[in-house]
Amino acid sequence: MDPLDSVDDATAAAVYRRLVRHLRHRTDAQNVDLMGLAGFCRNCLADWTQEAGGLDRDVARQAIYGMPYADWKAKHQGDATPEQLARMKDSVARNAPADPADAEAALDEALDESFPASDPPAITEPGRG
């Protein structure tokens, strides 16, 4: 069993909120840079929150950004450089497994281990965020 599965929901929720608050504080960490390094960003977190909670997209984004997305974008988001966009493209490509059959098998295994599934597909299917 993956040790992550032994983390109780209250702890996982607290960690999630701490991560979101950290990202709200670090407005200097641009989404394009997060995507370039880790293959996910604030928008991914909002999408995962939307999927998991059945929320409206704008509500989920406001939960992550702490304000309407358009306001955050106007205040904090700069123009991406060609280098940042290239890193992001390369990084996002690594989210998807080389063989789609591997992704399906991994998802089936993850769902079997966590049933009833509490994670939205974007968490258990790399590349959907």
C-alpha atoms as a PDB file:
ATOM      1  CA  MET A   1       0.000   0.000   0.000  1.00  0.00           C
ATOM      2  CA  ASP A   2       1.229   3.476  -0.856  1.00  0.00           C
ATOM      3  CA  PRO A   3       2.033   5.386   2.372  1.00  0.00           C
ATOM      4  CA  LEU A   4       0.116   8.348   0.943  1.00  0.00           C
ATOM      5  CA  ASP A   5      -3.054   6.305   1.318  1.00  0.00           C
ATOM      6  CA  SER A   6      -2.474   6.120   5.083  1.00  0.00           C
ATOM      7  CA  VAL A   7      -2.753   9.920   5.448  1.00  0.00           C
ATOM      8  CA  ASP A   8      -6.188  10.628   6.913  1.00  0.00           C
ATOM      9  CA  ASP A   9      -8.546  13.007   5.157  1.00  0.00           C
ATOM     10  CA  ALA A  10      -8.310  15.724   7.826  1.00  0.00           C
ATOM     11  CA  THR A  11      -4.528  15.818   7.487  1.00  0.00           C
ATOM     12  CA  ALA A  12      -4.725  15.789   3.689  1.00  0.00           C
ATOM     13  CA  ALA A  13      -7.224  18.665   3.785  1.00  0.00           C
ATOM     14  CA  ALA A  14      -4.969  20.681   6.100  1.00  0.00           C
ATOM     15  CA  VAL A  15      -1.977  20.097   3.805  1.00  0.00           C
ATOM     16  CA  TYR A  16      -4.041  21.107   0.763  1.00  0.00           C
ATOM     17  CA  ARG A  17      -5.100  24.358   2.451  1.00  0.00           C
ATOM     18  CA  ARG A  18      -1.509  25.086   3.467  1.00  0.00           C
ATOM     19  CA  LEU A  19      -0.333  24.529  -0.112  1.00  0.00           C
ATOM     20  CA  VAL A  20      -3.043  26.841  -1.458  1.00  0.00           C
ATOM     21  CA  ARG A  21      -2.215  29.549   1.097  1.00  0.00           C
ATOM     22  CA  HIS A  22       1.476  29.209   0.264  1.00  0.00           C
ATOM     23  CA  LEU A  23       0.744  29.694  -3.435  1.00  0.00           C
ATOM     24  CA  ARG A  24      -1.471  32.690  -2.655  1.00  0.00           C
ATOM     25  CA  HIS A  25       1.435  34.220  -0.733  1.00  0.00           C
ATOM     26  CA  ARG A  26       4.013  33.424  -3.442  1.00  0.00           C
ATOM     27  CA  THR A  27       2.482  35.488  -6.225  1.00  0.00           C
ATOM     28  CA  ASP A  28       5.995  35.730  -7.672  1.00  0.00           C
ATOM     29  CA  ALA A  29       5.796  32.033  -8.562  1.00  0.00           C
ATOM     30  CA  GLN A  30       4.195  32.309 -11.981  1.00  0.00           C
ATOM     31  CA  ASN A  31       1.866  29.565 -13.197  1.00  0.00           C
ATOM     32  CA  VAL A  32       3.965  29.113 -16.336  1.00  0.00           C
ATOM     33  CA  ASP A  33       7.021  28.470 -14.141  1.00  0.00           C
ATOM     34  CA  LEU A  34       5.110  26.007 -11.942  1.00  0.00           C
ATOM     35  CA  MET A  35       3.981  24.199 -15.091  1.00  0.00           C
ATOM     36  CA  GLY A  36       7.540  24.255 -16.434  1.00  0.00           C
ATOM     37  CA  LEU A  37       8.969  22.686 -13.285  1.00  0.00           C
ATOM     38  CA  ALA A  38       6.236  20.466 -11.930  1.00  0.00           C
ATOM     39  CA  GLY A  39       3.663  20.058 -14.687  1.00  0.00           C
ATOM     40  CA  PHE A  40       0.864  21.616 -12.648  1.00  0.00           C
ATOM     41  CA  CYS A  41      -0.147  25.078 -11.475  1.00  0.00           C
ATOM     42  CA  ARG A  42      -2.836  26.976  -9.612  1.00  0.00           C
ATOM     43  CA  ASN A  43      -5.285  26.409 -12.451  1.00  0.00           C
ATOM     44  CA  CYS A  44      -4.692  22.661 -12.171  1.00  0.00           C
ATOM     45  CA  LEU A  45      -5.425  22.820  -8.450  1.00  0.00           C
ATOM     46  CA  ALA A  46      -8.611  24.748  -9.228  1.00  0.00           C
ATOM     47  CA  ASP A  47      -9.606  22.160 -11.843  1.00  0.00           C
ATOM     48  CA  TRP A  48      -8.978  19.318  -9.380  1.00  0.00           C
ATOM     49  CA  THR A  49     -10.965  21.196  -6.735  1.00  0.00           C
ATOM     50  CA  GLN A  50     -13.776  21.745  -9.219  1.00  0.00           C
ATOM     51  CA  GLU A  51     -13.877  18.053 -10.146  1.00  0.00           C
ATOM     52  CA  ALA A  52     -13.633  16.760  -6.584  1.00  0.00           C
ATOM     53  CA  GLY A  53     -16.194  19.169  -5.169  1.00  0.00           C
ATOM     54  CA  GLY A  54     -18.574  19.511  -8.080  1.00  0.00           C
ATOM     55  CA  LEU A  55     -17.958  23.248  -8.006  1.00  0.00           C
ATOM     56  CA  ASP A  56     -18.390  25.879 -10.669  1.00  0.00           C
ATOM     57  CA  ARG A  57     -15.060  26.669 -12.351  1.00  0.00           C
ATOM     58  CA  ASP A  58     -15.041  30.296 -11.199  1.00  0.00           C
ATOM     59  CA  VAL A  59     -15.845  29.290  -7.613  1.00  0.00           C
ATOM     60  CA  ALA A  60     -13.011  26.731  -7.642  1.00  0.00           C
ATOM     61  CA  ARG A  61     -10.552  29.266  -9.053  1.00  0.00           C
ATOM     62  CA  GLN A  62     -11.538  31.850  -6.455  1.00  0.00           C
ATOM     63  CA  ALA A  63     -10.953  29.230  -3.752  1.00  0.00           C
ATOM     64  CA  ILE A  64      -7.398  28.759  -5.031  1.00  0.00           C
ATOM     65  CA  TYR A  65      -6.518  32.354  -5.915  1.00  0.00           C
ATOM     66  CA  GLY A  66      -8.339  34.001  -2.997  1.00  0.00           C
ATOM     67  CA  MET A  67      -9.943  36.432  -5.431  1.00  0.00           C
ATOM     68  CA  PRO A  68     -11.546  36.270  -8.862  1.00  0.00           C
ATOM     69  CA  TYR A  69      -9.073  34.805 -11.341  1.00  0.00           C
ATOM     70  CA  ALA A  70      -9.232  37.839 -13.638  1.00  0.00           C
ATOM     71  CA  ASP A  71      -8.232  40.087 -10.720  1.00  0.00           C
ATOM     72  CA  TRP A  72      -5.300  37.845  -9.751  1.00  0.00           C
ATOM     73  CA  LYS A  73      -4.171  37.632 -13.353  1.00  0.00           C
ATOM     74  CA  ALA A  74      -4.261  41.419 -13.756  1.00  0.00           C
ATOM     75  CA  LYS A  75      -2.347  41.986 -10.496  1.00  0.00           C
ATOM     76  CA  HIS A  76       0.215  39.210 -10.563  1.00  0.00           C
ATOM     77  CA  GLN A  77       0.594  37.455 -13.926  1.00  0.00           C
ATOM     78  CA  GLY A  78       3.254  38.665 -16.309  1.00  0.00           C
ATOM     79  CA  ASP A  79       3.741  37.788 -19.947  1.00  0.00           C
ATOM     80  CA  ALA A  80       5.372  34.415 -20.498  1.00  0.00           C
ATOM     81  CA  THR A  81       8.667  34.335 -22.320  1.00  0.00           C
ATOM     82  CA  PRO A  82       9.302  31.913 -25.181  1.00  0.00           C
ATOM     83  CA  GLU A  83      11.702  30.043 -22.875  1.00  0.00           C
ATOM     84  CA  GLN A  84       9.045  29.667 -20.154  1.00  0.00           C
ATOM     85  CA  LEU A  85       6.519  28.419 -22.698  1.00  0.00           C
ATOM     86  CA  ALA A  86       9.004  25.891 -24.085  1.00  0.00           C
ATOM     87  CA  ARG A  87       9.810  24.573 -20.572  1.00  0.00           C
ATOM     88  CA  MET A  88       6.087  24.328 -19.830  1.00  0.00           C
ATOM     89  CA  LYS A  89       5.427  22.406 -23.046  1.00  0.00           C
ATOM     90  CA  ASP A  90       8.236  19.942 -22.294  1.00  0.00           C
ATOM     91  CA  SER A  91       7.143  19.530 -18.689  1.00  0.00           C
ATOM     92  CA  VAL A  92       3.473  18.969 -19.487  1.00  0.00           C
ATOM     93  CA  ALA A  93       4.450  16.362 -22.065  1.00  0.00           C
ATOM     94  CA  ARG A  94       6.067  14.392 -19.217  1.00  0.00           C
ATOM     95  CA  ASN A  95       2.704  14.230 -17.391  1.00  0.00           C
ATOM     96  CA  ALA A  96       1.382  11.682 -19.858  1.00  0.00           C
ATOM     97  CA  PRO A  97       2.846   8.175 -19.867  1.00  0.00           C
ATOM     98  CA  ALA A  98       4.568   7.020 -23.055  1.00  0.00           C
ATOM     99  CA  ASP A  99       2.035   4.213 -23.457  1.00  0.00           C
ATOM    100  CA  PRO A 100      -1.652   5.112 -22.890  1.00  0.00           C
ATOM    101  CA  ALA A 101      -2.272   1.504 -21.841  1.00  0.00           C
ATOM    102  CA  ASP A 102       0.084   2.109 -18.897  1.00  0.00           C
ATOM    103  CA  ALA A 103      -2.048   5.057 -17.809  1.00  0.00           C
ATOM    104  CA  GLU A 104      -5.204   2.946 -17.965  1.00  0.00           C
ATOM    105  CA  ALA A 105      -3.617   0.139 -15.947  1.00  0.00           C
ATOM    106  CA  ALA A 106      -2.262   2.589 -13.369  1.00  0.00           C
ATOM    107  CA  LEU A 107      -5.669   4.236 -13.054  1.00  0.00           C
ATOM    108  CA  ASP A 108      -7.405   0.873 -12.633  1.00  0.00           C
ATOM    109  CA  GLU A 109      -4.922  -0.095  -9.917  1.00  0.00           C
ATOM    110  CA  ALA A 110      -5.289   3.254  -8.135  1.00  0.00           C
ATOM    111  CA  LEU A 111      -9.066   3.025  -8.209  1.00  0.00           C
ATOM    112  CA  ASP A 112      -9.012  -0.558  -6.954  1.00  0.00           C
ATOM    113  CA  GLU A 113      -6.767   0.447  -4.046  1.00  0.00           C
ATOM    114  CA  SER A 114      -8.753   3.534  -3.087  1.00  0.00           C
ATOM    115  CA  PHE A 115     -12.341   2.433  -3.642  1.00  0.00           C
ATOM    116  CA  PRO A 116     -14.511   4.224  -2.964  1.00  0.00           C
ATOM    117  CA  ALA A 117     -12.444   6.650  -4.973  1.00  0.00           C
ATOM    118  CA  SER A 118     -12.101  10.049  -3.388  1.00  0.00           C
ATOM    119  CA  ASP A 119      -9.625  11.538  -5.840  1.00  0.00           C
ATOM    120  CA  PRO A 120     -10.917  13.132  -9.052  1.00  0.00           C
ATOM    121  CA  PRO A 121      -9.670  11.731 -12.356  1.00  0.00           C
ATOM    122  CA  ALA A 122      -7.217  14.616 -12.826  1.00  0.00           C
ATOM    123  CA  ILE A 123      -5.298  13.422  -9.772  1.00  0.00           C
ATOM    124  CA  THR A 124      -5.275   9.770 -10.757  1.00  0.00           C
ATOM    125  CA  GLU A 125      -4.785  10.400 -14.484  1.00  0.00           C
ATOM    126  CA  PRO A 126      -1.608  12.381 -15.187  1.00  0.00           C
ATOM    127  CA  GLY A 127      -2.002  15.030 -17.837  1.00  0.00           C
ATOM    128  CA  ARG A 128      -5.658  15.845 -17.170  1.00  0.00           C
ATOM    129  CA  GLY A 129      -4.857  18.870 -14.938  1.00  0.00           C
END
